[in-house]
């Protein structure tokens, strides 16, 4: 998520950092900047890019996965899911 697909973190905000990441990525997903099938950065890579702890990014990714936005793969980052199609049986 570089250039056009950037998210910003305000460390002085009262909103938790993980929530800022969730909101920033969700905005990119809703706008279509991150389309279905796009690979997102690994937890560690995004943490380095944003200057936050990797557990913070991991928590944000888990929230987005629970909401049905991401399919997370260990050590390979995640893939944006196509939310226009119903989930496959056993994935709901």
C-alpha atoms as a PDB file:
ATOM      1  CA  UNK A   1       0.000   0.000   0.000  1.00  0.00           C
ATOM      2  CA  UNK A   2       2.162   2.758  -1.261  1.00  0.00           C
ATOM      3  CA  UNK A   3       1.596   5.970  -3.135  1.00  0.00           C
ATOM      4  CA  UNK A   4      -2.092   6.305  -3.927  1.00  0.00           C
ATOM      5  CA  UNK A   5      -3.027   3.493  -1.533  1.00  0.00           C
ATOM      6  CA  UNK A   6      -1.465   5.054   1.558  1.00  0.00           C
ATOM      7  CA  UNK A   7      -2.947   5.181   5.030  1.00  0.00           C
ATOM      8  CA  UNK A   8      -1.853   7.563   7.739  1.00  0.00           C
ATOM      9  CA  UNK A   9      -1.590   7.132  11.482  1.00  0.00           C
ATOM     10  CA  UNK A  10      -2.012   9.929  14.024  1.00  0.00           C
ATOM     11  CA  UNK A  11      -0.241   8.855  17.195  1.00  0.00           C
ATOM     12  CA  UNK A  12      -1.799  11.808  19.082  1.00  0.00           C
ATOM     13  CA  UNK A  13      -5.349  10.698  18.241  1.00  0.00           C
ATOM     14  CA  UNK A  14      -7.613   9.192  20.890  1.00  0.00           C
ATOM     15  CA  UNK A  15      -8.560   6.515  18.336  1.00  0.00           C
ATOM     16  CA  UNK A  16      -6.440   3.394  18.878  1.00  0.00           C
ATOM     17  CA  UNK A  17      -3.771   2.845  16.215  1.00  0.00           C
ATOM     18  CA  UNK A  18      -5.154  -0.563  15.195  1.00  0.00           C
ATOM     19  CA  UNK A  19      -8.556   1.075  14.626  1.00  0.00           C
ATOM     20  CA  UNK A  20      -6.958   3.798  12.489  1.00  0.00           C
ATOM     21  CA  UNK A  21      -5.367   1.055  10.377  1.00  0.00           C
ATOM     22  CA  UNK A  22      -8.684  -0.801  10.075  1.00  0.00           C
ATOM     23  CA  UNK A  23     -10.497   2.396   9.076  1.00  0.00           C
ATOM     24  CA  UNK A  24      -7.774   3.376   6.592  1.00  0.00           C
ATOM     25  CA  UNK A  25      -7.685  -0.013   4.875  1.00  0.00           C
ATOM     26  CA  UNK A  26     -11.483  -0.294   4.905  1.00  0.00           C
ATOM     27  CA  UNK A  27     -11.690   3.110   3.209  1.00  0.00           C
ATOM     28  CA  UNK A  28      -9.331   1.906   0.471  1.00  0.00           C
ATOM     29  CA  UNK A  29     -11.418  -1.246   0.062  1.00  0.00           C
ATOM     30  CA  UNK A  30     -14.731   0.613  -0.186  1.00  0.00           C
ATOM     31  CA  UNK A  31     -13.270   3.136  -2.648  1.00  0.00           C
ATOM     32  CA  UNK A  32     -12.015   0.254  -4.784  1.00  0.00           C
ATOM     33  CA  UNK A  33      -8.382   1.336  -4.472  1.00  0.00           C
ATOM     34  CA  UNK A  34      -7.720  -2.177  -3.166  1.00  0.00           C
ATOM     35  CA  UNK A  35      -9.629  -4.526  -5.456  1.00  0.00           C
ATOM     36  CA  UNK A  36     -10.569  -8.165  -4.932  1.00  0.00           C
ATOM     37  CA  UNK A  37      -7.622 -10.496  -5.391  1.00  0.00           C
ATOM     38  CA  UNK A  38      -5.001  -7.870  -4.518  1.00  0.00           C
ATOM     39  CA  UNK A  39      -2.293  -9.058  -2.134  1.00  0.00           C
ATOM     40  CA  UNK A  40      -1.813  -6.716   0.816  1.00  0.00           C
ATOM     41  CA  UNK A  41       1.525  -6.312   2.601  1.00  0.00           C
ATOM     42  CA  UNK A  42       2.530  -8.758   5.293  1.00  0.00           C
ATOM     43  CA  UNK A  43       1.901  -7.706   8.876  1.00  0.00           C
ATOM     44  CA  UNK A  44       5.578  -7.027   9.455  1.00  0.00           C
ATOM     45  CA  UNK A  45       5.999  -5.033   6.244  1.00  0.00           C
ATOM     46  CA  UNK A  46       3.032  -2.760   6.968  1.00  0.00           C
ATOM     47  CA  UNK A  47       4.221  -2.347  10.565  1.00  0.00           C
ATOM     48  CA  UNK A  48       7.621  -1.214   9.291  1.00  0.00           C
ATOM     49  CA  UNK A  49       6.004   1.123   6.747  1.00  0.00           C
ATOM     50  CA  UNK A  50       3.784   2.729   9.392  1.00  0.00           C
ATOM     51  CA  UNK A  51       6.311   2.665  12.233  1.00  0.00           C
ATOM     52  CA  UNK A  52       4.068   0.690  14.578  1.00  0.00           C
ATOM     53  CA  UNK A  53       4.370  -2.647  16.370  1.00  0.00           C
ATOM     54  CA  UNK A  54       3.536  -5.693  14.247  1.00  0.00           C
ATOM     55  CA  UNK A  55       0.958  -6.894  16.799  1.00  0.00           C
ATOM     56  CA  UNK A  56      -0.988  -3.678  16.165  1.00  0.00           C
ATOM     57  CA  UNK A  57      -1.164  -4.411  12.439  1.00  0.00           C
ATOM     58  CA  UNK A  58      -1.987  -8.075  13.129  1.00  0.00           C
ATOM     59  CA  UNK A  59      -4.939  -7.000  15.258  1.00  0.00           C
ATOM     60  CA  UNK A  60      -6.174  -4.707  12.472  1.00  0.00           C
ATOM     61  CA  UNK A  61      -5.853  -7.484   9.879  1.00  0.00           C
ATOM     62  CA  UNK A  62      -7.784  -9.888  12.147  1.00  0.00           C
ATOM     63  CA  UNK A  63     -10.631  -7.377  12.469  1.00  0.00           C
ATOM     64  CA  UNK A  64     -10.772  -6.960   8.679  1.00  0.00           C
ATOM     65  CA  UNK A  65     -10.697 -10.734   8.190  1.00  0.00           C
ATOM     66  CA  UNK A  66     -13.552 -11.179  10.670  1.00  0.00           C
ATOM     67  CA  UNK A  67     -15.528  -8.553   8.739  1.00  0.00           C
ATOM     68  CA  UNK A  68     -14.996 -10.560   5.543  1.00  0.00           C
ATOM     69  CA  UNK A  69     -12.642  -8.140   3.785  1.00  0.00           C
ATOM     70  CA  UNK A  70      -9.437 -10.216   3.879  1.00  0.00           C
ATOM     71  CA  UNK A  71      -8.308 -13.804   3.524  1.00  0.00           C
ATOM     72  CA  UNK A  72      -5.201 -14.061   5.703  1.00  0.00           C
ATOM     73  CA  UNK A  73      -2.363 -16.439   4.886  1.00  0.00           C
ATOM     74  CA  UNK A  74       0.389 -17.011   7.432  1.00  0.00           C
ATOM     75  CA  UNK A  75       3.747 -15.557   6.295  1.00  0.00           C
ATOM     76  CA  UNK A  76       2.244 -14.416   2.974  1.00  0.00           C
ATOM     77  CA  UNK A  77       0.097 -11.489   4.017  1.00  0.00           C
ATOM     78  CA  UNK A  78      -3.511 -11.401   2.976  1.00  0.00           C
ATOM     79  CA  UNK A  79      -5.650 -11.202  -0.104  1.00  0.00           C
ATOM     80  CA  UNK A  80      -8.622  -8.887  -0.571  1.00  0.00           C
ATOM     81  CA  UNK A  81     -11.828 -10.900  -0.848  1.00  0.00           C
ATOM     82  CA  UNK A  82     -14.578 -10.278  -3.381  1.00  0.00           C
ATOM     83  CA  UNK A  83     -17.489  -9.173  -1.222  1.00  0.00           C
ATOM     84  CA  UNK A  84     -19.923  -9.085  -4.140  1.00  0.00           C
ATOM     85  CA  UNK A  85     -20.100 -12.890  -4.163  1.00  0.00           C
ATOM     86  CA  UNK A  86     -21.565 -14.906  -1.293  1.00  0.00           C
ATOM     87  CA  UNK A  87     -18.969 -16.732   0.803  1.00  0.00           C
ATOM     88  CA  UNK A  88     -18.141 -20.338  -0.044  1.00  0.00           C
ATOM     89  CA  UNK A  89     -19.685 -22.980   2.203  1.00  0.00           C
ATOM     90  CA  UNK A  90     -17.613 -23.391   5.340  1.00  0.00           C
ATOM     91  CA  UNK A  91     -16.051 -19.895   4.992  1.00  0.00           C
ATOM     92  CA  UNK A  92     -18.880 -17.917   6.599  1.00  0.00           C
END
